[in-house]
């Protein structure tokens, strides 16, 4: 009889962060927001994979 093996390692969650820069915000503020969000992801045991930023002209 074959034994079954189960992976019991805790898998780390992955996150992709998306920031939007509006007319009322600077790119520096948006960068700070994403850094804080990345810190929260790490605190929760996750791993940030990628950052994306979008500028809105409105």
N, C-alpha and C. Protein backbone atom coordinates (compact mmCIF):
# COMPACT_ATOMS: atom_id res chain seq x y z
N UNK A 1 0.84 -1.18 0.00
CA UNK A 1 0.00 0.00 0.00
C UNK A 1 0.89 1.24 0.00
N UNK A 2 0.55 2.19 -0.86
CA UNK A 2 1.33 3.43 -0.95
C UNK A 2 0.87 4.42 0.11
N UNK A 3 1.84 5.10 0.70
CA UNK A 3 1.50 6.13 1.67
C UNK A 3 1.28 7.45 0.95
N UNK A 4 0.33 8.22 1.46
CA UNK A 4 0.09 9.55 0.91
C UNK A 4 0.79 10.57 1.78
N UNK A 5 1.44 11.50 1.13
CA UNK A 5 2.12 12.57 1.85
C UNK A 5 1.39 13.88 1.59
N UNK A 6 1.24 14.65 2.63
CA UNK A 6 0.54 15.92 2.53
C UNK A 6 1.50 17.05 2.86
N UNK A 7 1.42 18.09 2.07
CA UNK A 7 2.24 19.28 2.32
C UNK A 7 1.59 20.07 3.45
N UNK A 8 2.27 20.17 4.56
CA UNK A 8 1.71 20.88 5.72
C UNK A 8 2.34 22.26 5.91
N UNK A 9 3.18 22.65 4.98
CA UNK A 9 3.81 23.97 5.07
C UNK A 9 2.75 25.06 4.87
N UNK A 10 2.91 26.13 5.61
CA UNK A 10 1.99 27.26 5.49
C UNK A 10 2.36 28.02 4.22
N UNK A 11 1.38 28.19 3.35
CA UNK A 11 1.63 28.92 2.11
C UNK A 11 1.44 30.41 2.34
N UNK A 12 2.37 31.18 1.82
CA UNK A 12 2.33 32.63 2.01
C UNK A 12 1.42 33.26 0.96
N UNK A 13 0.51 34.11 1.42
CA UNK A 13 -0.38 34.82 0.52
C UNK A 13 0.43 35.81 -0.31
N UNK A 14 0.01 36.03 -1.56
CA UNK A 14 0.66 37.00 -2.43
C UNK A 14 -0.31 38.13 -2.73
N UNK A 15 0.24 39.34 -2.91
CA UNK A 15 -0.61 40.50 -3.16
C UNK A 15 -0.02 41.34 -4.29
N UNK A 16 -0.90 41.91 -5.08
CA UNK A 16 -0.54 42.89 -6.09
C UNK A 16 -1.19 44.20 -5.65
N UNK A 17 -0.37 45.24 -5.50
CA UNK A 17 -0.87 46.52 -5.01
C UNK A 17 -1.09 47.48 -6.17
N UNK A 18 -2.23 48.17 -6.15
CA UNK A 18 -2.58 49.12 -7.19
C UNK A 18 -2.85 50.47 -6.55
N UNK A 19 -2.16 51.49 -7.03
CA UNK A 19 -2.35 52.85 -6.52
C UNK A 19 -2.88 53.75 -7.61
N UNK A 20 -3.75 54.68 -7.22
CA UNK A 20 -4.32 55.64 -8.16
C UNK A 20 -3.97 57.04 -7.67
N UNK A 21 -3.35 57.83 -8.54
CA UNK A 21 -2.99 59.20 -8.22
C UNK A 21 -4.06 60.10 -8.84
N UNK A 22 -4.81 60.79 -7.98
CA UNK A 22 -5.84 61.71 -8.48
C UNK A 22 -5.26 63.12 -8.55
N UNK A 23 -6.06 64.05 -9.04
CA UNK A 23 -5.61 65.44 -9.16
C UNK A 23 -5.32 66.06 -7.80
N UNK A 24 -5.95 65.53 -6.74
CA UNK A 24 -5.78 66.09 -5.40
C UNK A 24 -4.59 65.50 -4.65
N UNK A 25 -3.93 64.52 -5.23
CA UNK A 25 -2.81 63.86 -4.56
C UNK A 25 -1.54 64.00 -5.38
N UNK A 26 -0.43 63.92 -4.68
CA UNK A 26 0.87 63.93 -5.36
C UNK A 26 1.35 62.49 -5.50
N UNK A 27 2.32 62.30 -6.37
CA UNK A 27 2.89 60.96 -6.53
C UNK A 27 3.57 60.52 -5.24
N UNK A 28 4.12 61.47 -4.50
CA UNK A 28 4.77 61.16 -3.23
C UNK A 28 3.75 60.60 -2.22
N UNK A 29 2.57 61.20 -2.16
CA UNK A 29 1.53 60.70 -1.26
C UNK A 29 1.12 59.28 -1.66
N UNK A 30 0.95 59.07 -2.95
CA UNK A 30 0.56 57.74 -3.43
C UNK A 30 1.63 56.72 -3.08
N UNK A 31 2.89 57.11 -3.20
CA UNK A 31 3.99 56.20 -2.85
C UNK A 31 3.94 55.84 -1.36
N UNK A 32 3.67 56.84 -0.52
CA UNK A 32 3.55 56.59 0.92
C UNK A 32 2.39 55.63 1.21
N UNK A 33 1.26 55.82 0.53
CA UNK A 33 0.10 54.94 0.73
C UNK A 33 0.43 53.50 0.36
N UNK A 34 1.12 53.32 -0.77
CA UNK A 34 1.47 51.96 -1.19
C UNK A 34 2.49 51.33 -0.24
N UNK A 35 3.42 52.13 0.27
CA UNK A 35 4.40 51.60 1.23
C UNK A 35 3.69 51.14 2.51
N UNK A 36 2.72 51.93 2.96
CA UNK A 36 1.97 51.55 4.16
C UNK A 36 1.16 50.27 3.90
N UNK A 37 0.54 50.20 2.73
CA UNK A 37 -0.23 49.01 2.38
C UNK A 37 0.67 47.79 2.29
N UNK A 38 1.86 47.96 1.72
CA UNK A 38 2.80 46.85 1.64
C UNK A 38 3.21 46.38 3.04
N UNK A 39 3.41 47.33 3.95
CA UNK A 39 3.74 46.98 5.33
C UNK A 39 2.61 46.17 5.97
N UNK A 40 1.36 46.57 5.70
CA UNK A 40 0.22 45.83 6.25
C UNK A 40 0.14 44.42 5.68
N UNK A 41 0.46 44.27 4.40
CA UNK A 41 0.47 42.94 3.78
C UNK A 41 1.52 42.07 4.47
N UNK A 42 2.71 42.62 4.69
CA UNK A 42 3.77 41.86 5.35
C UNK A 42 3.40 41.51 6.78
N UNK A 43 2.76 42.45 7.48
CA UNK A 43 2.33 42.21 8.86
C UNK A 43 1.33 41.06 8.92
N UNK A 44 0.50 40.95 7.89
CA UNK A 44 -0.50 39.88 7.84
C UNK A 44 0.09 38.56 7.35
N UNK A 45 1.40 38.55 7.07
CA UNK A 45 2.05 37.32 6.64
C UNK A 45 2.09 37.13 5.14
N UNK A 46 1.79 38.18 4.39
CA UNK A 46 1.76 38.08 2.94
C UNK A 46 3.04 38.57 2.29
N UNK A 47 3.07 38.48 0.98
CA UNK A 47 4.22 38.89 0.19
C UNK A 47 3.73 39.73 -0.98
N UNK A 48 4.24 40.96 -1.10
CA UNK A 48 3.87 41.82 -2.21
C UNK A 48 4.65 41.41 -3.45
N UNK A 49 3.93 41.10 -4.52
CA UNK A 49 4.55 40.63 -5.75
C UNK A 49 4.87 41.78 -6.69
N UNK A 50 3.95 42.74 -6.81
CA UNK A 50 4.10 43.81 -7.80
C UNK A 50 3.31 45.04 -7.37
N UNK A 51 3.79 46.22 -7.80
CA UNK A 51 3.08 47.49 -7.60
C UNK A 51 2.66 48.03 -8.97
N UNK A 52 1.48 48.60 -9.04
CA UNK A 52 1.03 49.30 -10.24
C UNK A 52 0.51 50.66 -9.82
N UNK A 53 0.74 51.67 -10.65
CA UNK A 53 0.26 53.02 -10.37
C UNK A 53 -0.43 53.56 -11.61
N UNK A 54 -1.55 54.24 -11.39
CA UNK A 54 -2.32 54.84 -12.48
C UNK A 54 -2.60 56.29 -12.14
N UNK A 55 -2.35 57.20 -13.08
CA UNK A 55 -2.67 58.61 -12.89
C UNK A 55 -4.01 58.91 -13.53
N UNK A 56 -4.87 59.60 -12.79
CA UNK A 56 -6.14 60.05 -13.34
C UNK A 56 -6.03 61.54 -13.65
N UNK A 57 -6.50 61.95 -14.80
CA UNK A 57 -6.39 63.34 -15.23
C UNK A 57 -7.57 64.19 -14.77
N UNK A 58 -8.57 63.61 -14.19
CA UNK A 58 -9.77 64.36 -13.79
C UNK A 58 -9.55 65.18 -12.57
